[in-house]
C-alpha atoms as a PDB file:
ATOM      1  CA  MET A   1     -96.990  21.080  -6.073  1.00  0.00           C
ATOM      2  CA  ARG A   2     -95.967  22.166  -9.552  1.00  0.00           C
ATOM      3  CA  ILE A   3     -97.855  25.086 -11.114  1.00  0.00           C
ATOM      4  CA  LEU A   4     -97.634  26.465 -14.651  1.00  0.00           C
ATOM      5  CA  MET A   5     -98.860  29.934 -15.634  1.00  0.00           C
ATOM      6  CA  VAL A   6     -99.914  30.307 -19.277  1.00  0.00           C
ATOM      7  CA  CYS A   7    -100.651  33.343 -21.440  1.00  0.00           C
ATOM      8  CA  LEU A   8    -100.375  34.027 -25.164  1.00  0.00           C
ATOM      9  CA  GLY A   9     -96.682  34.805 -25.654  1.00  0.00           C
ATOM     10  CA  ASN A  10     -95.127  34.329 -22.187  1.00  0.00           C
ATOM     11  CA  ILE A  11     -93.663  37.820 -21.922  1.00  0.00           C
ATOM     12  CA  CYS A  12     -96.303  39.893 -20.079  1.00  0.00           C
ATOM     13  CA  ARG A  13     -98.905  38.216 -17.866  1.00  0.00           C
ATOM     14  CA  SER A  14     -97.593  34.725 -17.145  1.00  0.00           C
ATOM     15  CA  PRO A  15     -94.077  35.899 -16.177  1.00  0.00           C
ATOM     16  CA  LEU A  16     -95.668  38.320 -13.703  1.00  0.00           C
ATOM     17  CA  ALA A  17     -97.876  35.542 -12.312  1.00  0.00           C
ATOM     18  CA  GLU A  18     -94.864  33.237 -12.013  1.00  0.00           C
ATOM     19  CA  GLY A  19     -92.844  35.867 -10.156  1.00  0.00           C
ATOM     20  CA  ILE A  20     -95.686  36.866  -7.850  1.00  0.00           C
ATOM     21  CA  LEU A  21     -96.476  33.280  -6.853  1.00  0.00           C
ATOM     22  CA  GLN A  22     -92.808  32.401  -6.343  1.00  0.00           C
ATOM     23  CA  SER A  23     -92.418  35.435  -4.098  1.00  0.00           C
ATOM     24  CA  LYS A  24     -95.522  34.611  -2.045  1.00  0.00           C
ATOM     25  CA  ALA A  25     -94.513  30.961  -1.704  1.00  0.00           C
ATOM     26  CA  GLN A  26     -91.040  31.948  -0.533  1.00  0.00           C
ATOM     27  CA  GLU A  27     -92.496  34.384   2.035  1.00  0.00           C
ATOM     28  CA  LYS A  28     -94.709  31.605   3.443  1.00  0.00           C
ATOM     29  CA  GLY A  29     -92.030  28.909   3.268  1.00  0.00           C
ATOM     30  CA  LEU A  30     -94.008  26.829   0.776  1.00  0.00           C
ATOM     31  CA  GLU A  31     -92.113  24.420  -1.401  1.00  0.00           C
ATOM     32  CA  ILE A  32     -93.856  24.738  -4.721  1.00  0.00           C
ATOM     33  CA  GLU A  33     -92.430  24.899  -8.215  1.00  0.00           C
ATOM     34  CA  VAL A  34     -93.721  27.633 -10.505  1.00  0.00           C
ATOM     35  CA  ASP A  35     -93.041  28.104 -14.207  1.00  0.00           C
ATOM     36  CA  SER A  36     -94.680  29.900 -17.113  1.00  0.00           C
ATOM     37  CA  ALA A  37     -95.212  29.335 -20.825  1.00  0.00           C
ATOM     38  CA  GLY A  38     -97.006  30.795 -23.811  1.00  0.00           C
ATOM     39  CA  ILE A  39     -99.524  29.298 -26.197  1.00  0.00           C
ATOM     40  CA  GLY A  40     -97.340  30.616 -29.021  1.00  0.00           C
ATOM     41  CA  GLY A  41     -93.590  30.435 -29.361  1.00  0.00           C
ATOM     42  CA  TRP A  42     -92.977  33.831 -31.007  1.00  0.00           C
ATOM     43  CA  HIS A  43     -90.988  35.135 -28.048  1.00  0.00           C
ATOM     44  CA  ALA A  44     -89.179  31.903 -27.079  1.00  0.00           C
ATOM     45  CA  GLY A  45     -85.891  32.676 -25.354  1.00  0.00           C
ATOM     46  CA  GLN A  46     -86.728  36.335 -24.726  1.00  0.00           C
ATOM     47  CA  SER A  47     -86.836  38.071 -21.355  1.00  0.00           C
ATOM     48  CA  PRO A  48     -90.190  39.296 -20.065  1.00  0.00           C
ATOM     49  CA  ASP A  49     -91.457  42.584 -21.491  1.00  0.00           C
ATOM     50  CA  HIS A  50     -89.564  45.506 -19.933  1.00  0.00           C
ATOM     51  CA  ARG A  51     -92.848  46.864 -18.535  1.00  0.00           C
ATOM     52  CA  SER A  52     -93.582  43.569 -16.751  1.00  0.00           C
ATOM     53  CA  GLN A  53     -90.063  43.647 -15.344  1.00  0.00           C
ATOM     54  CA  LYS A  54     -90.499  47.248 -14.170  1.00  0.00           C
ATOM     55  CA  VAL A  55     -93.835  46.609 -12.452  1.00  0.00           C
ATOM     56  CA  ALA A  56     -92.462  43.467 -10.788  1.00  0.00           C
ATOM     57  CA  SER A  57     -89.328  45.319  -9.663  1.00  0.00           C
ATOM     58  CA  ASN A  58     -91.426  48.187  -8.281  1.00  0.00           C
ATOM     59  CA  ASN A  59     -93.064  45.541  -6.076  1.00  0.00           C
ATOM     60  CA  GLY A  60     -89.830  43.912  -4.929  1.00  0.00           C
ATOM     61  CA  ILE A  61     -89.855  40.994  -7.388  1.00  0.00           C
ATOM     62  CA  SER A  62     -87.244  40.233 -10.028  1.00  0.00           C
ATOM     63  CA  ILE A  63     -88.399  38.379 -13.139  1.00  0.00           C
ATOM     64  CA  SER A  64     -85.418  39.362 -15.315  1.00  0.00           C
ATOM     65  CA  HIS A  65     -83.990  35.813 -15.161  1.00  0.00           C
ATOM     66  CA  GLN A  66     -87.083  34.297 -16.798  1.00  0.00           C
ATOM     67  CA  ARG A  67     -87.075  33.307 -20.481  1.00  0.00           C
ATOM     68  CA  ALA A  68     -90.165  32.822 -22.605  1.00  0.00           C
ATOM     69  CA  ARG A  69     -91.022  29.358 -23.824  1.00  0.00           C
ATOM     70  CA  LYS A  70     -93.837  27.702 -25.714  1.00  0.00           C
ATOM     71  CA  PHE A  71     -96.263  25.391 -23.936  1.00  0.00           C
ATOM     72  CA  VAL A  72     -95.607  21.756 -24.861  1.00  0.00           C
ATOM     73  CA  SER A  73     -97.855  18.737 -24.413  1.00  0.00           C
ATOM     74  CA  ASP A  74     -95.462  17.227 -21.843  1.00  0.00           C
ATOM     75  CA  ASP A  75     -96.357  20.144 -19.549  1.00  0.00           C
ATOM     76  CA  PHE A  76     -99.580  18.267 -18.779  1.00  0.00           C
ATOM     77  CA  ASN A  77     -97.408  15.519 -17.245  1.00  0.00           C
ATOM     78  CA  LYS A  78     -94.985  17.843 -15.454  1.00  0.00           C
ATOM     79  CA  PHE A  79     -97.482  20.134 -13.710  1.00  0.00           C
ATOM     80  CA  ASP A  80    -100.246  19.551 -11.170  1.00  0.00           C
ATOM     81  CA  LEU A  81    -102.085  22.768 -12.020  1.00  0.00           C
ATOM     82  CA  ILE A  82    -102.093  24.927 -15.151  1.00  0.00           C
ATOM     83  CA  LEU A  83    -103.437  28.458 -14.665  1.00  0.00           C
ATOM     84  CA  ALA A  84    -104.545  30.221 -17.848  1.00  0.00           C
ATOM     85  CA  MET A  85    -104.626  34.000 -17.971  1.00  0.00           C
ATOM     86  CA  ASP A  86    -107.794  34.197 -20.082  1.00  0.00           C
ATOM     87  CA  ALA A  87    -110.576  32.135 -21.638  1.00  0.00           C
ATOM     88  CA  ASP A  88    -108.844  31.963 -25.039  1.00  0.00           C
ATOM     89  CA  ASN A  89    -105.688  30.554 -23.451  1.00  0.00           C
ATOM     90  CA  LYS A  90    -107.786  28.069 -21.494  1.00  0.00           C
ATOM     91  CA  ALA A  91    -109.635  26.955 -24.636  1.00  0.00           C
ATOM     92  CA  GLU A  92    -106.333  26.379 -26.459  1.00  0.00           C
ATOM     93  CA  LEU A  93    -104.966  24.376 -23.539  1.00  0.00           C
ATOM     94  CA  LEU A  94    -108.099  22.233 -23.413  1.00  0.00           C
ATOM     95  CA  LYS A  95    -107.741  21.515 -27.156  1.00  0.00           C
ATOM     96  CA  LEU A  96    -104.164  20.354 -26.549  1.00  0.00           C
ATOM     97  CA  ALA A  97    -105.069  18.193 -23.544  1.00  0.00           C
ATOM     98  CA  PRO A  98    -104.658  14.478 -24.321  1.00  0.00           C
ATOM     99  CA  ASN A  99    -107.273  13.286 -21.813  1.00  0.00           C
ATOM    100  CA  GLU A 100    -109.740  14.273 -19.106  1.00  0.00           C
ATOM    101  CA  MET A 101    -107.068  14.145 -16.389  1.00  0.00           C
ATOM    102  CA  ALA A 102    -105.027  16.734 -18.277  1.00  0.00           C
ATOM    103  CA  LYS A 103    -108.113  18.892 -18.843  1.00  0.00           C
ATOM    104  CA  SER A 104    -108.905  18.833 -15.124  1.00  0.00           C
ATOM    105  CA  LYS A 105    -105.569  20.562 -14.410  1.00  0.00           C
ATOM    106  CA  VAL A 106    -106.492  23.660 -16.456  1.00  0.00           C
ATOM    107  CA  LYS A 107    -108.161  26.574 -14.641  1.00  0.00           C
ATOM    108  CA  LEU A 108    -108.554  30.310 -15.130  1.00  0.00           C
ATOM    109  CA  ILE A 109    -106.284  32.177 -12.743  1.00  0.00           C
ATOM    110  CA  LEU A 110    -108.989  34.734 -11.969  1.00  0.00           C
ATOM    111  CA  SER A 111    -111.305  31.963 -10.807  1.00  0.00           C
ATOM    112  CA  TYR A 112    -109.512  32.568  -7.493  1.00  0.00           C
ATOM    113  CA  LEU A 113    -110.869  36.135  -7.364  1.00  0.00           C
ATOM    114  CA  LYS A 114    -114.228  36.304  -5.681  1.00  0.00           C
ATOM    115  CA  GLN A 115    -116.821  38.785  -6.932  1.00  0.00           C
ATOM    116  CA  SER A 116    -114.552  40.317  -9.559  1.00  0.00           C
ATOM    117  CA  LYS A 117    -115.727  42.164 -12.636  1.00  0.00           C
ATOM    118  CA  PHE A 118    -112.854  40.422 -14.426  1.00  0.00           C
ATOM    119  CA  GLN A 119    -112.838  36.825 -15.627  1.00  0.00           C
ATOM    120  CA  ASN A 120    -109.813  37.299 -17.866  1.00  0.00           C
ATOM    121  CA  VAL A 121    -106.507  38.966 -17.109  1.00  0.00           C
ATOM    122  CA  PRO A 122    -106.369  41.739 -19.736  1.00  0.00           C
ATOM    123  CA  ASP A 123    -103.421  41.486 -22.132  1.00  0.00           C
ATOM    124  CA  PRO A 124    -101.392  44.665 -21.507  1.00  0.00           C
ATOM    125  CA  TYR A 125     -98.990  44.167 -24.452  1.00  0.00           C
ATOM    126  CA  TYR A 126    -100.364  47.050 -26.538  1.00  0.00           C
ATOM    127  CA  GLY A 127    -100.993  49.231 -23.508  1.00  0.00           C
ATOM    128  CA  ASN A 128     -98.889  51.372 -21.224  1.00  0.00           C
ATOM    129  CA  LEU A 129     -97.293  50.935 -17.810  1.00  0.00           C
ATOM    130  CA  ASN A 130    -100.628  51.570 -16.072  1.00  0.00           C
ATOM    131  CA  ASP A 131    -102.098  48.549 -17.883  1.00  0.00           C
ATOM    132  CA  PHE A 132     -99.222  46.402 -16.606  1.00  0.00           C
ATOM    133  CA  GLU A 133     -99.791  47.717 -13.072  1.00  0.00           C
ATOM    134  CA  GLU A 134    -103.479  46.792 -13.285  1.00  0.00           C
ATOM    135  CA  VAL A 135    -102.491  43.277 -14.403  1.00  0.00           C
ATOM    136  CA  TYR A 136    -100.015  43.026 -11.519  1.00  0.00           C
ATOM    137  CA  TRP A 137    -102.673  43.897  -8.926  1.00  0.00           C
ATOM    138  CA  LEU A 138    -105.257  41.526 -10.416  1.00  0.00           C
ATOM    139  CA  LEU A 139    -102.722  38.699 -10.324  1.00  0.00           C
ATOM    140  CA  ASP A 140    -101.555  39.635  -6.836  1.00  0.00           C
ATOM    141  CA  LYS A 141    -105.112  39.479  -5.458  1.00  0.00           C
ATOM    142  CA  ALA A 142    -105.920  36.224  -7.253  1.00  0.00           C
ATOM    143  CA  LEU A 143    -102.691  34.587  -6.073  1.00  0.00           C
ATOM    144  CA  ASN A 144    -103.256  35.750  -2.479  1.00  0.00           C
ATOM    145  CA  ASN A 145    -106.600  33.964  -2.583  1.00  0.00           C
ATOM    146  CA  PHE A 146    -105.015  30.959  -4.279  1.00  0.00           C
ATOM    147  CA  ILE A 147    -102.378  30.578  -1.564  1.00  0.00           C
ATOM    148  CA  ASN A 148    -104.907  31.109   1.228  1.00  0.00           C
ATOM    149  CA  THR A 149    -107.492  28.646  -0.123  1.00  0.00           C
ATOM    150  CA  THR A 150    -105.412  25.891  -1.700  1.00  0.00           C
ATOM    151  CA  GLN A 151    -103.858  22.916   0.035  1.00  0.00           C
ATOM    152  CA  LEU A 152    -100.243  23.347  -1.055  1.00  0.00           C
ATOM    153  CA  LYS A 153     -97.615  20.713  -0.500  1.00  0.00           C
END
């Protein structure tokens, strides 16, 4: 299975989600491909935000090798599932989708959290390290549920 994580600029939330899911898949011996992208290309080629890298590292995950990239329409062909970090990202992806099949691949990542007060992963960009830690734990819980409830190839 090929999974794409998408946020606004691909330097905060989606790199964390990519790293977390890769780590969990490796621990469970699952052969899945995970990538991330941003709706916008402002940060293309940049490493993840240093705060995302720090929070990931504090949890035993390295995301320093990742580089930001902009979502492209061909991603609908390359990936089986596209997980948006928030409703705005999802709406943009649905606008870009060429057909119903492509639209059916787009889901909110926090839809895998049951009984959560959150529907959207908050954007921590203008926040502090605590905001990035909160994002990490939201993503970690959602991706635990994802792995435990999804038929992965």
